[in-house]
Amino acid sequence: MDIGETISVVASFGMPYKIKPVRFRWNGKLFEVKDITYAWQTKEGQTKIYHFSITNGKTLYELSFDTVSLVWRLERLEV
């Protein structure tokens, strides 16, 4: 299901350039990231977008992080 909403994310930023979402808030609920199943990058013009396929143990989510605006989005989910 496509969502495309801005969300709040707690993430760790390690070296070298390692981004790891830890938990996120959507629709007033807090979701813990149990596993990152896949990660990739895309570009929109000069903007690099990091994408993460993550699971909380029940549902698969796709999160994205825009490196220019510093905005996290919940792109889609699969139940």
PDB file of N, CA and C in Angstrom:
ATOM      1  N   MET A   1       0.845  -1.170   0.000  1.00  0.00           N
ATOM      2  CA  MET A   1       0.000   0.000   0.000  1.00  0.00           C
ATOM      3  C   MET A   1       0.899   1.245   0.000  1.00  0.00           C
ATOM      4  N   ASP A   2       0.690   2.150  -0.934  1.00  0.00           N
ATOM      5  CA  ASP A   2       1.455   3.387  -0.992  1.00  0.00           C
ATOM      6  C   ASP A   2       0.957   4.357   0.074  1.00  0.00           C
ATOM      7  N   ILE A   3       1.899   4.995   0.779  1.00  0.00           N
ATOM      8  CA  ILE A   3       1.558   5.932   1.848  1.00  0.00           C
ATOM      9  C   ILE A   3       2.044   7.334   1.492  1.00  0.00           C
ATOM     10  N   GLY A   4       3.367   7.520   1.360  1.00  0.00           N
ATOM     11  CA  GLY A   4       3.944   8.804   0.965  1.00  0.00           C
ATOM     12  C   GLY A   4       3.780   9.919   1.969  1.00  0.00           C
ATOM     13  N   GLU A   5       3.906   9.612   3.272  1.00  0.00           N
ATOM     14  CA  GLU A   5       3.735  10.621   4.317  1.00  0.00           C
ATOM     15  C   GLU A   5       5.049  10.906   5.027  1.00  0.00           C
ATOM     16  N   THR A   6       5.218  12.169   5.444  1.00  0.00           N
ATOM     17  CA  THR A   6       6.367  12.565   6.246  1.00  0.00           C
ATOM     18  C   THR A   6       6.210  11.980   7.647  1.00  0.00           C
ATOM     19  N   ILE A   7       7.317  11.436   8.189  1.00  0.00           N
ATOM     20  CA  ILE A   7       7.280  10.813   9.515  1.00  0.00           C
ATOM     21  C   ILE A   7       8.472  11.286  10.339  1.00  0.00           C
ATOM     22  N   SER A   8       8.416  11.026  11.643  1.00  0.00           N
ATOM     23  CA  SER A   8       9.542  11.278  12.545  1.00  0.00           C
ATOM     24  C   SER A   8      10.299   9.974  12.731  1.00  0.00           C
ATOM     25  N   VAL A   9      11.632  10.053  12.642  1.00  0.00           N
ATOM     26  CA  VAL A   9      12.464   8.858  12.739  1.00  0.00           C
ATOM     27  C   VAL A   9      13.610   9.105  13.707  1.00  0.00           C
ATOM     28  N   VAL A  10      13.892   8.116  14.543  1.00  0.00           N
ATOM     29  CA  VAL A  10      15.114   8.102  15.338  1.00  0.00           C
ATOM     30  C   VAL A  10      16.076   7.208  14.579  1.00  0.00           C
ATOM     31  N   ALA A  11      17.249   7.752  14.246  1.00  0.00           N
ATOM     32  CA  ALA A  11      18.221   6.998  13.448  1.00  0.00           C
ATOM     33  C   ALA A  11      19.612   7.196  14.023  1.00  0.00           C
ATOM     34  N   SER A  12      20.483   6.227  13.758  1.00  0.00           N
ATOM     35  CA  SER A  12      21.887   6.385  14.108  1.00  0.00           C
ATOM     36  C   SER A  12      22.652   6.686  12.828  1.00  0.00           C
ATOM     37  N   PHE A  13      23.619   7.567  12.936  1.00  0.00           N
ATOM     38  CA  PHE A  13      24.454   7.948  11.811  1.00  0.00           C
ATOM     39  C   PHE A  13      25.892   7.595  12.173  1.00  0.00           C
ATOM     40  N   GLY A  14      26.396   6.519  11.569  1.00  0.00           N
ATOM     41  CA  GLY A  14      27.745   6.063  11.865  1.00  0.00           C
ATOM     42  C   GLY A  14      28.683   6.346  10.716  1.00  0.00           C
ATOM     43  N   MET A  15      29.886   5.891  10.865  1.00  0.00           N
ATOM     44  CA  MET A  15      30.894   6.094   9.828  1.00  0.00           C
ATOM     45  C   MET A  15      31.096   4.802   9.078  1.00  0.00           C
ATOM     46  N   PRO A  16      31.452   4.779   7.839  1.00  0.00           N
ATOM     47  CA  PRO A  16      31.443   5.965   6.980  1.00  0.00           C
ATOM     48  C   PRO A  16      30.094   6.100   6.282  1.00  0.00           C
ATOM     49  N   TYR A  17      29.391   7.147   6.559  1.00  0.00           N
ATOM     50  CA  TYR A  17      28.112   7.476   5.926  1.00  0.00           C
ATOM     51  C   TYR A  17      27.072   6.371   6.077  1.00  0.00           C
ATOM     52  N   LYS A  18      27.018   5.767   7.245  1.00  0.00           N
ATOM     53  CA  LYS A  18      26.088   4.677   7.524  1.00  0.00           C
ATOM     54  C   LYS A  18      24.880   5.245   8.262  1.00  0.00           C
ATOM     55  N   ILE A  19      23.702   5.107   7.677  1.00  0.00           N
ATOM     56  CA  ILE A  19      22.456   5.574   8.284  1.00  0.00           C
ATOM     57  C   ILE A  19      21.634   4.347   8.643  1.00  0.00           C
ATOM     58  N   LYS A  20      21.118   4.321   9.870  1.00  0.00           N
ATOM     59  CA  LYS A  20      20.336   3.172  10.316  1.00  0.00           C
ATOM     60  C   LYS A  20      19.110   3.659  11.086  1.00  0.00           C
ATOM     61  N   PRO A  21      17.904   3.525  10.498  1.00  0.00           N
ATOM     62  CA  PRO A  21      16.691   3.882  11.247  1.00  0.00           C
ATOM     63  C   PRO A  21      16.488   2.908  12.413  1.00  0.00           C
ATOM     64  N   VAL A  22      16.137   3.439  13.576  1.00  0.00           N
ATOM     65  CA  VAL A  22      15.969   2.637  14.786  1.00  0.00           C
ATOM     66  C   VAL A  22      14.490   2.493  15.155  1.00  0.00           C
ATOM     67  N   ARG A  23      13.745   3.584  15.056  1.00  0.00           N
ATOM     68  CA  ARG A  23      12.296   3.567  15.292  1.00  0.00           C
ATOM     69  C   ARG A  23      11.681   4.773  14.601  1.00  0.00           C
ATOM     70  N   PHE A  24      10.375   4.685  14.356  1.00  0.00           N
ATOM     71  CA  PHE A  24       9.692   5.804  13.710  1.00  0.00           C
ATOM     72  C   PHE A  24       8.284   5.947  14.262  1.00  0.00           C
ATOM     73  N   ARG A  25       7.754   7.162  14.123  1.00  0.00           N
ATOM     74  CA  ARG A  25       6.402   7.474  14.583  1.00  0.00           C
ATOM     75  C   ARG A  25       5.541   7.797  13.370  1.00  0.00           C
ATOM     76  N   TRP A  26       4.398   7.093  13.297  1.00  0.00           N
ATOM     77  CA  TRP A  26       3.446   7.303  12.208  1.00  0.00           C
ATOM     78  C   TRP A  26       2.043   7.161  12.779  1.00  0.00           C
ATOM     79  N   ASN A  27       1.182   8.095  12.436  1.00  0.00           N
ATOM     80  CA  ASN A  27      -0.214   8.094  12.917  1.00  0.00           C
ATOM     81  C   ASN A  27      -0.301   7.999  14.439  1.00  0.00           C
ATOM     82  N   GLY A  28       0.635   8.656  15.138  1.00  0.00           N
ATOM     83  CA  GLY A  28       0.607   8.674  16.595  1.00  0.00           C
ATOM     84  C   GLY A  28       1.123   7.412  17.261  1.00  0.00           C
ATOM     85  N   LYS A  29       1.621   6.452  16.485  1.00  0.00           N
ATOM     86  CA  LYS A  29       2.134   5.202  17.045  1.00  0.00           C
ATOM     87  C   LYS A  29       3.634   5.109  16.816  1.00  0.00           C
ATOM     88  N   LEU A  30       4.332   4.495  17.755  1.00  0.00           N
ATOM     89  CA  LEU A  30       5.776   4.299  17.667  1.00  0.00           C
ATOM     90  C   LEU A  30       6.059   2.876  17.200  1.00  0.00           C
ATOM     91  N   PHE A  31       6.882   2.733  16.179  1.00  0.00           N
ATOM     92  CA  PHE A  31       7.242   1.437  15.613  1.00  0.00           C
ATOM     93  C   PHE A  31       8.733   1.208  15.775  1.00  0.00           C
ATOM     94  N   GLU A  32       9.108   0.067  16.322  1.00  0.00           N
ATOM     95  CA  GLU A  32      10.520  -0.308  16.479  1.00  0.00           C
ATOM     96  C   GLU A  32      10.991  -1.023  15.213  1.00  0.00           C
ATOM     97  N   VAL A  33      12.186  -0.690  14.762  1.00  0.00           N
ATOM     98  CA  VAL A  33      12.779  -1.369  13.610  1.00  0.00           C
ATOM     99  C   VAL A  33      13.505  -2.605  14.123  1.00  0.00           C
ATOM    100  N   LYS A  34      13.021  -3.778  13.765  1.00  0.00           N
ATOM    101  CA  LYS A  34      13.674  -5.024  14.177  1.00  0.00           C
ATOM    102  C   LYS A  34      14.765  -5.429  13.215  1.00  0.00           C
ATOM    103  N   ASP A  35      14.566  -5.142  11.908  1.00  0.00           N
ATOM    104  CA  ASP A  35      15.543  -5.551  10.912  1.00  0.00           C
ATOM    105  C   ASP A  35      15.454  -4.657   9.687  1.00  0.00           C
ATOM    106  N   ILE A  36      16.611  -4.336   9.119  1.00  0.00           N
ATOM    107  CA  ILE A  36      16.669  -3.663   7.822  1.00  0.00           C
ATOM    108  C   ILE A  36      16.896  -4.771   6.805  1.00  0.00           C
ATOM    109  N   THR A  37      15.893  -5.025   5.970  1.00  0.00           N
ATOM    110  CA  THR A  37      15.982  -6.140   5.037  1.00  0.00           C
ATOM    111  C   THR A  37      16.698  -5.768   3.743  1.00  0.00           C
ATOM    112  N   TYR A  38      16.704  -4.475   3.400  1.00  0.00           N
ATOM    113  CA  TYR A  38      17.366  -4.029   2.180  1.00  0.00           C
ATOM    114  C   TYR A  38      17.543  -2.517   2.249  1.00  0.00           C
ATOM    115  N   ALA A  39      18.628  -1.998   1.685  1.00  0.00           N
ATOM    116  CA  ALA A  39      18.864  -0.555   1.631  1.00  0.00           C
ATOM    117  C   ALA A  39      19.451  -0.204   0.270  1.00  0.00           C
ATOM    118  N   TRP A  40      19.042   0.948  -0.281  1.00  0.00           N
ATOM    119  CA  TRP A  40      19.549   1.391  -1.576  1.00  0.00           C
ATOM    120  C   TRP A  40      19.462   2.907  -1.666  1.00  0.00           C
ATOM    121  N   GLN A  41      20.079   3.459  -2.697  1.00  0.00           N
ATOM    122  CA  GLN A  41      20.093   4.902  -2.889  1.00  0.00           C
ATOM    123  C   GLN A  41      19.592   5.243  -4.289  1.00  0.00           C
ATOM    124  N   THR A  42      18.932   6.407  -4.380  1.00  0.00           N
ATOM    125  CA  THR A  42      18.535   6.955  -5.672  1.00  0.00           C
ATOM    126  C   THR A  42      18.922   8.428  -5.680  1.00  0.00           C
ATOM    127  N   LYS A  43      18.851   9.051  -6.847  1.00  0.00           N
ATOM    128  CA  LYS A  43      19.113  10.484  -6.955  1.00  0.00           C
ATOM    129  C   LYS A  43      17.936  11.153  -7.651  1.00  0.00           C
ATOM    130  N   GLU A  44      17.565  12.316  -7.133  1.00  0.00           N
ATOM    131  CA  GLU A  44      16.577  13.185  -7.775  1.00  0.00           C
ATOM    132  C   GLU A  44      17.293  14.501  -8.031  1.00  0.00           C
ATOM    133  N   GLY A  45      17.798  14.673  -9.252  1.00  0.00           N
ATOM    134  CA  GLY A  45      18.660  15.820  -9.540  1.00  0.00           C
ATOM    135  C   GLY A  45      19.961  15.629  -8.782  1.00  0.00           C
ATOM    136  N   GLN A  46      20.327  16.611  -7.973  1.00  0.00           N
ATOM    137  CA  GLN A  46      21.541  16.526  -7.157  1.00  0.00           C
ATOM    138  C   GLN A  46      21.273  15.941  -5.772  1.00  0.00           C
ATOM    139  N   THR A  47      20.014  15.643  -5.470  1.00  0.00           N
ATOM    140  CA  THR A  47      19.630  15.155  -4.150  1.00  0.00           C
ATOM    141  C   THR A  47      19.758  13.639  -4.065  1.00  0.00           C
ATOM    142  N   LYS A  48      20.491  13.178  -3.059  1.00  0.00           N
ATOM    143  CA  LYS A  48      20.608  11.739  -2.821  1.00  0.00           C
ATOM    144  C   LYS A  48      19.520  11.326  -1.837  1.00  0.00           C
ATOM    145  N   ILE A  49      18.787  10.267  -2.191  1.00  0.00           N
ATOM    146  CA  ILE A  49      17.727   9.723  -1.345  1.00  0.00           C
ATOM    147  C   ILE A  49      18.146   8.324  -0.908  1.00  0.00           C
ATOM    148  N   TYR A  50      18.153   8.098   0.408  1.00  0.00           N
ATOM    149  CA  TYR A  50      18.417   6.770   0.951  1.00  0.00           C
ATOM    150  C   TYR A  50      17.082   6.078   1.196  1.00  0.00           C
ATOM    151  N   HIS A  51      16.975   4.822   0.787  1.00  0.00           N
ATOM    152  CA  HIS A  51      15.758   4.036   0.972  1.00  0.00           C
ATOM    153  C   HIS A  51      16.071   2.831   1.851  1.00  0.00           C
ATOM    154  N   PHE A  52      15.113   2.479   2.703  1.00  0.00           N
ATOM    155  CA  PHE A  52      15.276   1.354   3.614  1.00  0.00           C
ATOM    156  C   PHE A  52      14.014   0.505   3.602  1.00  0.00           C
ATOM    157  N   SER A  53      14.171  -0.772   3.363  1.00  0.00           N
ATOM    158  CA  SER A  53      13.091  -1.728   3.544  1.00  0.00           C
ATOM    159  C   SER A  53      13.297  -2.307   4.940  1.00  0.00           C
ATOM    160  N   ILE A  54      12.341  -2.062   5.825  1.00  0.00           N
ATOM    161  CA  ILE A  54      12.506  -2.461   7.229  1.00  0.00           C
ATOM    162  C   ILE A  54      11.282  -3.250   7.694  1.00  0.00           C
ATOM    163  N   THR A  55      11.465  -3.973   8.789  1.00  0.00           N
ATOM    164  CA  THR A  55      10.340  -4.698   9.376  1.00  0.00           C
ATOM    165  C   THR A  55      10.342  -4.504  10.892  1.00  0.00           C
ATOM    166  N   ASN A  56       9.142  -4.548  11.448  1.00  0.00           N
ATOM    167  CA  ASN A  56       8.983  -4.533  12.906  1.00  0.00           C
ATOM    168  C   ASN A  56       8.634  -5.937  13.408  1.00  0.00           C
ATOM    169  N   GLY A  57       8.783  -6.926  12.534  1.00  0.00           N
ATOM    170  CA  GLY A  57       8.463  -8.303  12.882  1.00  0.00           C
ATOM    171  C   GLY A  57       7.112  -8.755  12.362  1.00  0.00           C
ATOM    172  N   LYS A  58       6.262  -7.798  11.967  1.00  0.00           N
ATOM    173  CA  LYS A  58       4.934  -8.119  11.454  1.00  0.00           C
ATOM    174  C   LYS A  58       4.712  -7.564  10.055  1.00  0.00           C
ATOM    175  N   THR A  59       5.162  -6.344   9.839  1.00  0.00           N
ATOM    176  CA  THR A  59       4.870  -5.612   8.615  1.00  0.00           C
ATOM    177  C   THR A  59       6.168  -5.161   7.969  1.00  0.00           C
ATOM    178  N   LEU A  60       6.181  -5.080   6.626  1.00  0.00           N
ATOM    179  CA  LEU A  60       7.315  -4.583   5.876  1.00  0.00           C
ATOM    180  C   LEU A  60       7.035  -3.138   5.479  1.00  0.00           C
ATOM    181  N   TYR A  61       7.971  -2.239   5.776  1.00  0.00           N
ATOM    182  CA  TYR A  61       7.827  -0.812   5.484  1.00  0.00           C
ATOM    183  C   TYR A  61       8.968  -0.360   4.586  1.00  0.00           C
ATOM    184  N   GLU A  62       8.702   0.643   3.758  1.00  0.00           N
ATOM    185  CA  GLU A  62       9.769   1.316   3.034  1.00  0.00           C
ATOM    186  C   GLU A  62       9.850   2.744   3.537  1.00  0.00           C
ATOM    187  N   LEU A  63      11.023   3.114   4.074  1.00  0.00           N
ATOM    188  CA  LEU A  63      11.281   4.474   4.524  1.00  0.00           C
ATOM    189  C   LEU A  63      12.266   5.115   3.565  1.00  0.00           C
ATOM    190  N   SER A  64      12.201   6.445   3.425  1.00  0.00           N
ATOM    191  CA  SER A  64      13.194   7.159   2.630  1.00  0.00           C
ATOM    192  C   SER A  64      13.688   8.368   3.405  1.00  0.00           C
ATOM    193  N   PHE A  65      14.949   8.742   3.135  1.00  0.00           N
ATOM    194  CA  PHE A  65      15.578   9.892   3.792  1.00  0.00           C
ATOM    195  C   PHE A  65      16.192  10.782   2.724  1.00  0.00           C
ATOM    196  N   ASP A  66      15.726  12.033   2.659  1.00  0.00           N
ATOM    197  CA  ASP A  66      16.216  13.025   1.701  1.00  0.00           C
ATOM    198  C   ASP A  66      17.401  13.754   2.337  1.00  0.00           C
ATOM    199  N   THR A  67      18.591  13.666   1.720  1.00  0.00           N
ATOM    200  CA  THR A  67      19.800  14.233   2.311  1.00  0.00           C
ATOM    201  C   THR A  67      19.882  15.753   2.214  1.00  0.00           C
ATOM    202  N   VAL A  68      19.028  16.379   1.413  1.00  0.00           N
ATOM    203  CA  VAL A  68      19.028  17.840   1.323  1.00  0.00           C
ATOM    204  C   VAL A  68      18.035  18.443   2.310  1.00  0.00           C
ATOM    205  N   SER A  69      16.785  17.972   2.270  1.00  0.00           N
ATOM    206  CA  SER A  69      15.754  18.513   3.167  1.00  0.00           C
ATOM    207  C   SER A  69      15.810  17.880   4.556  1.00  0.00           C
ATOM    208  N   LEU A  70      16.510  16.735   4.674  1.00  0.00           N
ATOM    209  CA  LEU A  70      16.606  15.956   5.922  1.00  0.00           C
ATOM    210  C   LEU A  70      15.241  15.444   6.380  1.00  0.00           C
ATOM    211  N   VAL A  71      14.356  15.183   5.431  1.00  0.00           N
ATOM    212  CA  VAL A  71      13.007  14.708   5.707  1.00  0.00           C
ATOM    213  C   VAL A  71      12.938  13.194   5.506  1.00  0.00           C
ATOM    214  N   TRP A  72      12.327  12.517   6.477  1.00  0.00           N
ATOM    215  CA  TRP A  72      12.039  11.084   6.378  1.00  0.00           C
ATOM    216  C   TRP A  72      10.599  10.919   5.909  1.00  0.00           C
ATOM    217  N   ARG A  73      10.366   9.895   5.079  1.00  0.00           N
ATOM    218  CA  ARG A  73       9.018   9.597   4.607  1.00  0.00           C
ATOM    219  C   ARG A  73       8.748   8.101   4.717  1.00  0.00           C
ATOM    220  N   LEU A  74       7.516   7.779   5.032  1.00  0.00           N
ATOM    221  CA  LEU A  74       7.029   6.403   4.931  1.00  0.00           C
ATOM    222  C   LEU A  74       6.435   6.293   3.542  1.00  0.00           C
ATOM    223  N   GLU A  75       7.114   5.549   2.672  1.00  0.00           N
ATOM    224  CA  GLU A  75       6.697   5.462   1.271  1.00  0.00           C
ATOM    225  C   GLU A  75       5.584   4.446   1.068  1.00  0.00           C
ATOM    226  N   ARG A  76       5.757   3.266   1.675  1.00  0.00           N
ATOM    227  CA  ARG A  76       4.747   2.197   1.498  1.00  0.00           C
ATOM    228  C   ARG A  76       4.875   1.162   2.592  1.00  0.00           C
ATOM    229  N   LEU A  77       3.858   0.295   2.666  1.00  0.00           N
ATOM    230  CA  LEU A  77       3.895  -0.812   3.615  1.00  0.00           C
ATOM    231  C   LEU A  77       3.208  -2.011   3.013  1.00  0.00           C
ATOM    232  N   GLU A  78       3.630  -3.187   3.497  1.00  0.00           N
ATOM    233  CA  GLU A  78       3.017  -4.450   3.099  1.00  0.00           C
ATOM    234  C   GLU A  78       2.700  -5.247   4.352  1.00  0.00           C
ATOM    235  N   VAL A  79       1.441  -5.597   4.514  1.00  0.00           N
ATOM    236  CA  VAL A  79       1.019  -6.340   5.698  1.00  0.00           C
ATOM    237  C   VAL A  79       1.129  -7.821   5.434  1.00  0.00           C
TER     238      VAL A  79
END
